[in-house]
């Protein structure tokens, strides 16, 4: 029997848990300002998460999905996207959205049930948060096809969790991306849990990155707790996509240090020792250690960053809580370009017309 084809999946890691270099530092990461931006946004994302959970627990907001322990993923991908690219996020991508110019108060409004939160002040081409699992992957493939058809030098980035890779939408997006050679980068936040289902019960594949092989394109695995590695890998893939070299799939290995959402209790299924070990690998301390090793940051400056992020979050919360609620009839305003007659009658009834 002859061998028809062979494949391999690479793994990229630049910083270890203590913040020591394992590989040559990428050019972008030689700039202290860039690293401090990544660090600040990871802290901002974590502070925002904590406040959003508190708002939900006190009845001031709806169900919320924290990204605790996964800040390097969202911030790394958000920093890699160019302004002209299109982002199709999933529900745990707040850090990337902030880097794309979405206001913190807009994200709070979305999770508070206000559709105006998806009408971003800054960017009208990025897609809103996707709650259904993996549907955003197909949306992204469609956008990438349009970009290719128009011969634009742009790329599309879409993200999902490890659970989404078991959905048919994901497989269809992979097939479309490879078959049509789309300018699309798909990134998977493998945080080891699809709600309560562990990764090893979800797929027998050794990696999730290897799912790219079925689509006929490049797959790569990175340390998802290493923001430098995530940013580097995603930026390279986006560059390739813009240059007409086709799609990529990147699997970022992280760990969910929180409940799936505020409607979940992860203590029922997560092993305490595994969770304790996962905290050793968390991304913010890793980058902070590197910044200290390089004399890019002092304890005092670190404290100033923390306080500035807390202040920004508090301002956003105040704006969210003081926003005048939408009128009841607004529930009819976000699905149809032209409201059907039956719903028009219902809308009028709500308005008392």
Protein backbone atom coordinates (compact mmCIF):
# COMPACT_ATOMS: atom_id res chain seq x y z
CA UNK A 1 0.00 0.00 0.00
CA UNK A 2 1.35 3.42 -0.99
CA UNK A 3 0.89 6.68 0.95
CA UNK A 4 -1.43 9.10 -0.82
CA UNK A 5 -0.93 12.07 1.49
CA UNK A 6 0.54 13.02 4.86
CA UNK A 7 -0.30 15.90 7.16
CA UNK A 8 1.03 17.57 10.27
CA UNK A 9 -0.21 20.19 12.72
CA UNK A 10 2.28 22.64 14.17
CA UNK A 11 2.12 24.13 17.65
CA UNK A 12 3.21 27.68 18.46
CA UNK A 13 4.17 28.91 21.89
CA UNK A 14 6.39 31.94 22.52
CA UNK A 15 6.08 32.59 26.28
CA UNK A 16 6.04 29.97 29.02
CA UNK A 17 3.93 30.24 32.18
CA UNK A 18 6.56 32.37 33.92
CA UNK A 19 6.85 34.78 31.02
CA UNK A 20 10.17 33.49 29.66
CA UNK A 21 10.83 33.40 25.93
CA UNK A 22 10.76 29.99 24.22
CA UNK A 23 10.99 31.26 20.64
CA UNK A 24 12.33 34.32 18.86
CA UNK A 25 10.09 37.26 19.68
CA UNK A 26 8.01 38.42 16.66
CA UNK A 27 8.78 41.89 15.32
CA UNK A 28 5.52 43.43 16.51
CA UNK A 29 6.24 42.33 20.08
CA UNK A 30 9.54 44.19 20.19
CA UNK A 31 7.57 47.40 20.66
CA UNK A 32 6.77 48.00 24.36
CA UNK A 33 3.74 50.14 23.45
CA UNK A 34 2.18 47.25 21.54
CA UNK A 35 2.69 44.83 24.42
CA UNK A 36 1.30 47.33 26.90
CA UNK A 37 -1.78 47.74 24.69
CA UNK A 38 -2.32 43.98 24.72
CA UNK A 39 -1.82 43.90 28.49
CA UNK A 40 -4.18 46.79 29.12
CA UNK A 41 -6.96 45.27 27.02
CA UNK A 42 -6.63 41.91 28.75
CA UNK A 43 -7.01 43.63 32.11
CA UNK A 44 -9.90 45.71 30.81
CA UNK A 45 -11.64 42.56 29.54
CA UNK A 46 -11.21 40.80 32.89
CA UNK A 47 -12.44 43.82 34.87
CA UNK A 48 -15.39 44.17 32.49
CA UNK A 49 -16.24 40.49 32.92
CA UNK A 50 -16.25 40.73 36.70
CA UNK A 51 -18.53 43.76 36.62
CA UNK A 52 -20.89 42.18 34.07
CA UNK A 53 -21.25 39.08 36.25
CA UNK A 54 -21.99 41.33 39.24
CA UNK A 55 -24.67 43.17 37.23
CA UNK A 56 -26.31 39.88 36.31
CA UNK A 57 -26.20 38.61 39.89
CA UNK A 58 -27.93 41.78 41.10
CA UNK A 59 -30.68 41.63 38.46
CA UNK A 60 -29.39 44.53 36.40
CA UNK A 61 -28.46 42.51 33.32
CA UNK A 62 -29.32 39.23 31.62
CA UNK A 63 -27.31 36.03 31.31
CA UNK A 64 -23.65 36.73 30.60
CA UNK A 65 -20.76 34.55 29.30
CA UNK A 66 -17.49 35.37 31.02
CA UNK A 67 -14.14 34.98 29.27
CA UNK A 68 -12.14 34.59 32.48
CA UNK A 69 -8.83 32.90 31.63
CA UNK A 70 -9.34 33.40 27.89
CA UNK A 71 -8.39 37.06 27.59
CA UNK A 72 -5.30 36.31 25.48
CA UNK A 73 -7.54 34.71 22.88
CA UNK A 74 -9.98 37.58 22.39
CA UNK A 75 -7.40 40.36 22.74
CA UNK A 76 -4.87 38.56 20.53
CA UNK A 77 -7.29 38.08 17.65
CA UNK A 78 -8.74 41.58 18.05
CA UNK A 79 -5.32 43.20 17.81
CA UNK A 80 -4.44 41.20 14.68
CA UNK A 81 -7.39 42.37 12.57
CA UNK A 82 -6.90 45.30 10.22
CA UNK A 83 -9.42 48.11 10.17
CA UNK A 84 -10.71 47.15 6.72
CA UNK A 85 -11.26 43.49 7.66
CA UNK A 86 -14.58 42.08 8.87
CA UNK A 87 -15.07 40.35 12.21
CA UNK A 88 -17.80 37.78 12.88
CA UNK A 89 -17.60 37.13 16.63
CA UNK A 90 -19.12 34.60 18.95
CA UNK A 91 -20.42 35.39 22.40
CA UNK A 92 -17.09 35.30 24.27
CA UNK A 93 -15.16 37.76 22.09
CA UNK A 94 -15.58 40.96 24.12
CA UNK A 95 -11.87 41.76 24.21
CA UNK A 96 -11.65 41.66 20.43
CA UNK A 97 -14.77 43.79 20.13
CA UNK A 98 -13.29 46.45 22.42
CA UNK A 99 -10.18 46.59 20.25
CA UNK A 100 -12.45 46.98 17.22
CA UNK A 101 -13.94 50.09 18.79
CA UNK A 102 -17.16 48.66 20.24
CA UNK A 103 -18.05 50.56 23.40
CA UNK A 104 -18.23 48.69 26.70
CA UNK A 105 -21.68 50.17 27.27
CA UNK A 106 -22.85 48.77 23.93
CA UNK A 107 -21.84 45.26 24.96
CA UNK A 108 -23.61 45.73 28.31
CA UNK A 109 -26.71 46.93 26.47
CA UNK A 110 -26.71 43.80 24.30
CA UNK A 111 -26.57 41.49 27.31
CA UNK A 112 -29.17 43.68 28.99
CA UNK A 113 -31.62 42.85 26.20
CA UNK A 114 -31.30 46.13 24.31
CA UNK A 115 -30.85 45.57 20.57
CA UNK A 116 -29.30 49.02 20.22
CA UNK A 117 -26.18 47.47 21.70
CA UNK A 118 -25.55 45.79 18.33
CA UNK A 119 -25.71 49.09 16.46
CA UNK A 120 -22.06 49.91 16.99
CA UNK A 121 -21.00 53.54 17.09
CA UNK A 122 -17.72 52.84 15.34
CA UNK A 123 -18.07 50.05 12.79
CA UNK A 124 -21.16 49.05 10.85
CA UNK A 125 -19.56 46.14 8.94
CA UNK A 126 -18.49 43.91 11.83
CA UNK A 127 -21.22 41.44 12.71
CA UNK A 128 -23.10 41.43 16.01
CA UNK A 129 -22.54 38.84 18.72
CA UNK A 130 -23.72 35.40 17.63
CA UNK A 131 -25.53 33.34 20.25
CA UNK A 132 -26.47 30.27 18.13
CA UNK A 133 -23.52 27.88 18.03
CA UNK A 134 -21.34 28.06 14.87
CA UNK A 135 -23.80 29.94 12.65
CA UNK A 136 -21.35 32.85 12.51
CA UNK A 137 -18.87 30.60 10.69
CA UNK A 138 -21.20 30.37 7.70
CA UNK A 139 -21.91 34.10 7.86
CA UNK A 140 -18.15 34.67 7.72
CA UNK A 141 -17.76 32.36 4.74
CA UNK A 142 -20.45 34.33 2.93
CA UNK A 143 -18.75 37.65 3.66
CA UNK A 144 -15.39 36.23 2.54
CA UNK A 145 -16.97 35.05 -0.71
CA UNK A 146 -18.34 38.55 -1.34
CA UNK A 147 -14.89 40.06 -0.69
CA UNK A 148 -13.30 37.63 -3.12
CA UNK A 149 -15.97 38.33 -5.73
CA UNK A 150 -15.30 42.07 -5.43
CA UNK A 151 -11.52 41.46 -5.61
CA UNK A 152 -10.92 43.44 -2.43
CA UNK A 153 -7.70 43.09 -0.43
CA UNK A 154 -9.47 42.30 2.82
CA UNK A 155 -9.97 39.30 5.07
CA UNK A 156 -12.64 37.93 7.38
CA UNK A 157 -11.99 36.63 10.88
CA UNK A 158 -14.48 34.50 12.77
CA UNK A 159 -14.21 32.82 16.15
CA UNK A 160 -15.95 30.00 17.97
CA UNK A 161 -15.54 27.68 20.93
CA UNK A 162 -14.44 24.06 20.81
CA UNK A 163 -18.05 22.87 21.01
CA UNK A 164 -18.87 24.64 17.76
CA UNK A 165 -16.42 22.43 15.85
CA UNK A 166 -18.86 19.54 16.27
CA UNK A 167 -21.65 21.43 14.49
CA UNK A 168 -22.48 20.96 10.84
CA UNK A 169 -22.31 24.75 10.31
CA UNK A 170 -18.61 24.60 11.16
CA UNK A 171 -17.95 21.72 8.78
CA UNK A 172 -19.86 23.45 5.99
CA UNK A 173 -17.86 26.66 6.53
CA UNK A 174 -14.62 24.66 6.38
CA UNK A 175 -15.68 23.02 3.14
CA UNK A 176 -16.80 26.30 1.56
CA UNK A 177 -13.60 28.10 2.65
CA UNK A 178 -11.36 25.45 1.14
CA UNK A 179 -13.33 24.80 -2.02
CA UNK A 180 -13.67 28.49 -2.88
CA UNK A 181 -10.21 29.46 -1.55
CA UNK A 182 -11.72 32.20 0.60
CA UNK A 183 -9.90 35.01 2.45
CA UNK A 184 -11.14 33.60 5.75
CA UNK A 185 -9.45 32.85 9.07
CA UNK A 186 -11.32 30.65 11.53
CA UNK A 187 -10.08 30.63 15.13
CA UNK A 188 -11.22 28.16 17.77
CA UNK A 189 -11.09 29.00 21.46
CA UNK A 190 -10.51 25.51 22.80
CA UNK A 191 -11.26 26.22 26.46
CA UNK A 192 -11.75 22.46 27.09
CA UNK A 193 -15.49 22.65 27.79
CA UNK A 194 -18.60 22.78 25.60
CA UNK A 195 -20.81 23.87 28.49
CA UNK A 196 -20.35 20.77 30.69
CA UNK A 197 -19.02 18.43 27.98
CA UNK A 198 -15.24 17.96 28.19
CA UNK A 199 -13.12 18.14 25.06
CA UNK A 200 -12.26 14.39 25.09
CA UNK A 201 -15.95 13.46 25.04
CA UNK A 202 -16.68 15.78 22.14
CA UNK A 203 -14.19 14.69 19.49
CA UNK A 204 -11.76 11.81 18.99
CA UNK A 205 -9.49 14.04 16.89
CA UNK A 206 -6.08 14.62 18.46
CA UNK A 207 -6.38 18.32 17.62
CA UNK A 208 -9.21 20.55 16.45
CA UNK A 209 -6.80 22.33 14.12
CA UNK A 210 -6.58 19.20 11.99
CA UNK A 211 -10.19 19.74 10.91
CA UNK A 212 -8.70 22.18 8.39
CA UNK A 213 -7.18 19.22 6.55
CA UNK A 214 -10.64 18.06 5.42
CA UNK A 215 -11.12 21.49 3.85
CA UNK A 216 -7.77 21.33 2.08
CA UNK A 217 -6.04 24.15 3.89
CA UNK A 218 -3.65 25.03 6.72
CA UNK A 219 -4.33 24.22 10.36
CA UNK A 220 -2.26 25.39 13.32
CA UNK A 221 -2.45 25.01 17.09
CA UNK A 222 -1.24 27.77 19.42
CA UNK A 223 -0.99 28.29 23.16
CA UNK A 224 -4.16 30.30 23.76
CA UNK A 225 -2.80 31.65 27.05
CA UNK A 226 0.11 33.28 25.20
CA UNK A 227 -1.23 36.53 23.73
CA UNK A 228 1.94 37.07 21.69
CA UNK A 229 1.58 33.67 20.03
CA UNK A 230 -2.13 34.17 19.36
CA UNK A 231 -1.63 37.62 17.88
CA UNK A 232 1.31 36.47 15.75
CA UNK A 233 -0.42 33.38 14.35
CA UNK A 234 -3.68 35.17 13.56
CA UNK A 235 -1.94 38.17 11.97
CA UNK A 236 0.09 35.86 9.72
CA UNK A 237 -3.03 33.97 8.69
CA UNK A 238 -4.89 37.20 7.92
CA UNK A 239 -1.95 38.44 5.84
CA UNK A 240 -2.03 35.22 3.84
CA UNK A 241 -5.77 35.55 3.34
CA UNK A 242 -5.48 39.13 2.07
CA UNK A 243 -2.69 38.08 -0.29
CA UNK A 244 -4.91 35.47 -1.93
CA UNK A 245 -3.29 32.46 -0.23
CA UNK A 246 -6.59 31.12 1.08
CA UNK A 247 -8.09 30.24 4.47
CA UNK A 248 -6.54 29.07 7.74
CA UNK A 249 -7.82 27.40 10.89
CA UNK A 250 -6.14 28.20 14.21
CA UNK A 251 -6.91 26.32 17.42
CA UNK A 252 -5.96 28.21 20.59
CA UNK A 253 -5.57 26.05 23.69
CA UNK A 254 -6.91 27.77 26.80
CA UNK A 255 -8.98 26.85 29.84
CA UNK A 256 -12.29 28.24 31.01
CA UNK A 257 -11.67 29.45 34.56
CA UNK A 258 -15.33 30.33 35.04
CA UNK A 259 -18.84 29.01 34.55
CA UNK A 260 -20.00 28.60 30.95
CA UNK A 261 -22.39 31.48 31.59
CA UNK A 262 -24.03 33.00 34.65
CA UNK A 263 -26.75 30.36 34.17
CA UNK A 264 -24.22 27.56 34.77
CA UNK A 265 -22.50 26.04 37.81
CA UNK A 266 -19.18 24.62 36.63
CA UNK A 267 -18.34 23.29 40.12
CA UNK A 268 -20.69 20.39 39.37
CA UNK A 269 -18.42 18.99 36.65
CA UNK A 270 -14.97 20.64 36.74
CA UNK A 271 -12.30 18.85 38.77
CA UNK A 272 -10.92 21.20 41.43
CA UNK A 273 -7.33 20.08 40.92
CA UNK A 274 -7.58 20.61 37.15
CA UNK A 275 -8.93 24.09 37.75
CA UNK A 276 -6.16 24.88 40.22
CA UNK A 277 -3.56 23.75 37.68
CA UNK A 278 -5.21 25.80 34.92
CA UNK A 279 -4.82 28.96 37.01
CA UNK A 280 -1.03 28.45 36.80
CA UNK A 281 -1.25 28.94 33.03
CA UNK A 282 -3.56 31.97 32.95
CA UNK A 283 -2.58 34.65 30.41
CA UNK A 284 -2.43 37.98 32.24
CA UNK A 285 0.24 37.05 34.80
CA UNK A 286 2.26 35.45 32.00
CA UNK A 287 2.45 38.66 29.99
CA UNK A 288 2.93 40.77 33.13
CA UNK A 289 5.95 38.66 34.06
CA UNK A 290 7.45 39.16 30.62
CA UNK A 291 6.88 42.91 30.79
CA UNK A 292 8.62 43.01 34.18
CA UNK A 293 11.51 40.87 32.91
CA UNK A 294 12.00 43.34 30.05
CA UNK A 295 11.67 46.41 32.30
CA UNK A 296 8.67 47.54 30.24
CA UNK A 297 6.49 48.01 33.32
CA UNK A 298 6.81 48.92 36.99
CA UNK A 299 4.58 48.02 39.91
CA UNK A 300 3.36 51.61 40.06
CA UNK A 301 2.54 51.77 36.35
CA UNK A 302 0.79 48.41 36.59
CA UNK A 303 -1.39 49.79 39.38
CA UNK A 304 -2.20 52.83 37.25
CA UNK A 305 -3.34 50.56 34.41
CA UNK A 306 -5.55 48.57 36.77
CA UNK A 307 -7.15 51.73 38.16
CA UNK A 308 -7.68 53.22 34.68
CA UNK A 309 -9.44 50.03 33.53
CA UNK A 310 -11.66 50.03 36.63
CA UNK A 311 -12.59 53.65 35.94
CA UNK A 312 -13.41 52.90 32.29
CA UNK A 313 -15.64 49.99 33.32
CA UNK A 314 -17.46 52.08 35.93
CA UNK A 315 -18.13 54.83 33.38
CA UNK A 316 -19.55 52.26 30.95
CA UNK A 317 -21.79 50.78 33.65
CA UNK A 318 -23.08 54.22 34.54
CA UNK A 319 -23.87 54.93 30.88
CA UNK A 320 -25.63 51.56 30.53
CA UNK A 321 -27.72 51.95 33.68
CA UNK A 322 -28.71 55.52 32.79
CA UNK A 323 -29.76 54.75 29.21
CA UNK A 324 -33.48 55.27 28.72
CA UNK A 325 -35.16 51.90 28.07
CA UNK A 326 -36.64 51.19 24.69
CA UNK A 327 -40.38 51.33 24.29
CA UNK A 328 -42.21 47.96 24.25
CA UNK A 329 -43.03 48.21 20.54
CA UNK A 330 -39.31 48.16 19.70
CA UNK A 331 -39.46 44.36 19.92
CA UNK A 332 -40.88 44.43 16.39
CA UNK A 333 -38.18 46.64 14.90
CA UNK A 334 -35.15 44.39 14.41
CA UNK A 335 -36.14 41.40 12.29
CA UNK A 336 -37.89 42.59 9.13
CA UNK A 337 -37.01 45.36 6.69
CA UNK A 338 -40.75 45.70 6.14
CA UNK A 339 -43.00 44.44 8.90
CA UNK A 340 -45.64 41.87 7.78
CA UNK A 341 -49.26 42.89 8.18
CA UNK A 342 -49.93 40.53 11.09
CA UNK A 343 -46.99 41.91 13.07
CA UNK A 344 -47.90 45.47 12.14
CA UNK A 345 -51.30 44.88 13.73
CA UNK A 346 -49.62 43.48 16.86
CA UNK A 347 -47.22 46.42 17.01
CA UNK A 348 -50.12 48.85 16.77
CA UNK A 349 -51.92 46.98 19.54
CA UNK A 350 -48.88 47.28 21.82
CA UNK A 351 -48.74 51.01 21.05
CA UNK A 352 -52.46 51.37 21.74
CA UNK A 353 -53.17 52.63 18.22
